[in-house]
Amino acid sequence: MNDKIYSIIGIARKGGKVAIGFDVTCSDIEKNKSALVLITTDASDKTKKNIQFVCEKYNCKYVEYGEKELLGKSLGKKMVGVASIRDINIASYILNNV
């Protein structure tokens, strides 16, 4: 099941529908571009707390899912702790399958 989610995230990245990293994700949330924020389960507590605060402030959905290494691999990076999904259809698929 989770392999499919990672591959969909990878495809979304190629289509320019994913922003990677804390600062870019926060910017997406503030500009109302983010449909869903992915936070990996092994992200630091400080990162989780800060990104959840921004999500709640701007009423943006977020979900804890996966590991930094696996998410990074699907996005063509080494490790990714936070990512913003900009496509509403991909976001709803992830929410329904996590």
C-alpha atoms as a PDB file:
ATOM      1  CA  MET A   1       0.000   0.000   0.000  1.00  0.00           C
ATOM      2  CA  ASN A   2       2.621   2.559   1.013  1.00  0.00           C
ATOM      3  CA  ASP A   3       4.733   1.862  -2.099  1.00  0.00           C
ATOM      4  CA  LYS A   4       1.869   3.223  -4.188  1.00  0.00           C
ATOM      5  CA  ILE A   5       1.674   6.387  -2.090  1.00  0.00           C
ATOM      6  CA  TYR A   6       5.409   6.972  -2.487  1.00  0.00           C
ATOM      7  CA  SER A   7       5.220   6.450  -6.251  1.00  0.00           C
ATOM      8  CA  ILE A   8       2.270   8.851  -6.542  1.00  0.00           C
ATOM      9  CA  ILE A   9       4.231  11.446  -4.560  1.00  0.00           C
ATOM     10  CA  GLY A  10       7.172  10.912  -6.928  1.00  0.00           C
ATOM     11  CA  ILE A  11       4.949  11.437  -9.977  1.00  0.00           C
ATOM     12  CA  ALA A  12       3.461  14.560  -8.361  1.00  0.00           C
ATOM     13  CA  ARG A  13       7.002  15.880  -7.833  1.00  0.00           C
ATOM     14  CA  LYS A  14       7.766  15.503 -11.535  1.00  0.00           C
ATOM     15  CA  GLY A  15       4.581  17.420 -12.285  1.00  0.00           C
ATOM     16  CA  GLY A  16       5.626  20.276 -10.001  1.00  0.00           C
ATOM     17  CA  LYS A  17       2.908  19.534  -7.448  1.00  0.00           C
ATOM     18  CA  VAL A  18       5.197  18.955  -4.456  1.00  0.00           C
ATOM     19  CA  ALA A  19       7.288  21.423  -2.462  1.00  0.00           C
ATOM     20  CA  ILE A  20      10.126  19.977  -0.394  1.00  0.00           C
ATOM     21  CA  GLY A  21      11.476  21.259   2.907  1.00  0.00           C
ATOM     22  CA  PHE A  22      10.327  23.202   5.942  1.00  0.00           C
ATOM     23  CA  ASP A  23      10.673  26.792   4.654  1.00  0.00           C
ATOM     24  CA  VAL A  24       9.079  26.161   1.259  1.00  0.00           C
ATOM     25  CA  THR A  25       6.243  24.197   2.873  1.00  0.00           C
ATOM     26  CA  CYS A  26       5.563  27.039   5.341  1.00  0.00           C
ATOM     27  CA  SER A  27       5.521  29.491   2.439  1.00  0.00           C
ATOM     28  CA  ASP A  28       3.050  27.260   0.553  1.00  0.00           C
ATOM     29  CA  ILE A  29       0.767  27.080   3.598  1.00  0.00           C
ATOM     30  CA  GLU A  30       0.813  30.855   4.106  1.00  0.00           C
ATOM     31  CA  LYS A  31       0.025  31.464   0.418  1.00  0.00           C
ATOM     32  CA  ASN A  32      -2.776  28.861   0.533  1.00  0.00           C
ATOM     33  CA  LYS A  33      -1.039  26.716  -2.119  1.00  0.00           C
ATOM     34  CA  SER A  34      -0.789  23.580  -0.006  1.00  0.00           C
ATOM     35  CA  ALA A  35      -3.596  21.000  -0.133  1.00  0.00           C
ATOM     36  CA  LEU A  36      -1.834  18.691   2.352  1.00  0.00           C
ATOM     37  CA  VAL A  37       1.374  18.701   4.354  1.00  0.00           C
ATOM     38  CA  LEU A  38       3.272  15.434   4.799  1.00  0.00           C
ATOM     39  CA  ILE A  39       5.359  15.123   7.944  1.00  0.00           C
ATOM     40  CA  THR A  40       7.464  11.999   8.319  1.00  0.00           C
ATOM     41  CA  THR A  41       7.096  10.030  11.541  1.00  0.00           C
ATOM     42  CA  ASP A  42      10.856  10.259  12.169  1.00  0.00           C
ATOM     43  CA  ALA A  43      11.066  14.047  11.722  1.00  0.00           C
ATOM     44  CA  SER A  44      12.373  15.874  14.789  1.00  0.00           C
ATOM     45  CA  ASP A  45       9.888  16.857  17.487  1.00  0.00           C
ATOM     46  CA  LYS A  46      10.737  20.531  16.940  1.00  0.00           C
ATOM     47  CA  THR A  47       9.999  20.245  13.201  1.00  0.00           C
ATOM     48  CA  LYS A  48       6.713  18.443  13.851  1.00  0.00           C
ATOM     49  CA  LYS A  49       5.633  20.986  16.453  1.00  0.00           C
ATOM     50  CA  ASN A  50       6.525  23.997  14.287  1.00  0.00           C
ATOM     51  CA  ILE A  51       4.912  22.716  11.077  1.00  0.00           C
ATOM     52  CA  GLN A  52       1.754  21.623  12.934  1.00  0.00           C
ATOM     53  CA  PHE A  53       1.513  25.106  14.456  1.00  0.00           C
ATOM     54  CA  VAL A  54       1.694  26.753  11.014  1.00  0.00           C
ATOM     55  CA  CYS A  55      -0.832  24.252   9.588  1.00  0.00           C
ATOM     56  CA  GLU A  56      -3.312  24.926  12.392  1.00  0.00           C
ATOM     57  CA  LYS A  57      -2.815  28.694  12.132  1.00  0.00           C
ATOM     58  CA  TYR A  58      -3.683  28.667   8.409  1.00  0.00           C
ATOM     59  CA  ASN A  59      -6.211  25.801   8.607  1.00  0.00           C
ATOM     60  CA  CYS A  60      -4.200  23.431   6.412  1.00  0.00           C
ATOM     61  CA  LYS A  61      -4.483  19.639   6.646  1.00  0.00           C
ATOM     62  CA  TYR A  62      -1.424  17.626   7.616  1.00  0.00           C
ATOM     63  CA  VAL A  63      -0.644  13.978   8.108  1.00  0.00           C
ATOM     64  CA  GLU A  64       2.243  12.076   9.674  1.00  0.00           C
ATOM     65  CA  TYR A  65       3.368   9.383   7.312  1.00  0.00           C
ATOM     66  CA  GLY A  66       6.443   7.417   6.327  1.00  0.00           C
ATOM     67  CA  GLU A  67      10.137   7.868   6.939  1.00  0.00           C
ATOM     68  CA  LYS A  68      12.520  10.610   5.851  1.00  0.00           C
ATOM     69  CA  GLU A  69      14.688   8.256   3.818  1.00  0.00           C
ATOM     70  CA  LEU A  70      11.785   6.646   1.912  1.00  0.00           C
ATOM     71  CA  LEU A  71      10.058   9.964   1.226  1.00  0.00           C
ATOM     72  CA  GLY A  72      13.367  11.464   0.110  1.00  0.00           C
ATOM     73  CA  LYS A  73      14.007   8.545  -2.212  1.00  0.00           C
ATOM     74  CA  SER A  74      10.584   8.932  -3.866  1.00  0.00           C
ATOM     75  CA  LEU A  75      11.281  12.648  -4.367  1.00  0.00           C
ATOM     76  CA  GLY A  76      14.799  12.222  -5.730  1.00  0.00           C
ATOM     77  CA  LYS A  77      16.504  13.561  -2.593  1.00  0.00           C
ATOM     78  CA  LYS A  78      18.486  11.968   0.213  1.00  0.00           C
ATOM     79  CA  MET A  79      16.129  12.690   3.119  1.00  0.00           C
ATOM     80  CA  VAL A  80      12.922  14.726   3.321  1.00  0.00           C
ATOM     81  CA  GLY A  81      11.100  15.381   6.598  1.00  0.00           C
ATOM     82  CA  VAL A  82       8.395  17.774   5.394  1.00  0.00           C
ATOM     83  CA  ALA A  83       6.679  18.155   2.030  1.00  0.00           C
ATOM     84  CA  SER A  84       3.736  20.135   0.728  1.00  0.00           C
ATOM     85  CA  ILE A  85       1.320  18.470  -1.695  1.00  0.00           C
ATOM     86  CA  ARG A  86      -0.192  21.165  -3.927  1.00  0.00           C
ATOM     87  CA  ASP A  87      -2.652  18.985  -5.872  1.00  0.00           C
ATOM     88  CA  ILE A  88      -6.051  18.438  -4.193  1.00  0.00           C
ATOM     89  CA  ASN A  89      -6.643  15.049  -5.885  1.00  0.00           C
ATOM     90  CA  ILE A  90      -3.288  13.645  -4.812  1.00  0.00           C
ATOM     91  CA  ALA A  91      -3.832  15.044  -1.304  1.00  0.00           C
ATOM     92  CA  SER A  92      -7.240  13.373  -0.995  1.00  0.00           C
ATOM     93  CA  TYR A  93      -5.821  10.055  -2.262  1.00  0.00           C
ATOM     94  CA  ILE A  94      -3.088  10.180   0.378  1.00  0.00           C
ATOM     95  CA  LEU A  95      -5.575  11.079   3.143  1.00  0.00           C
ATOM     96  CA  ASN A  96      -7.861   8.197   2.128  1.00  0.00           C
ATOM     97  CA  ASN A  97      -5.040   5.636   2.009  1.00  0.00           C
ATOM     98  CA  VAL A  98      -2.905   6.495   5.028  1.00  0.00           C
END
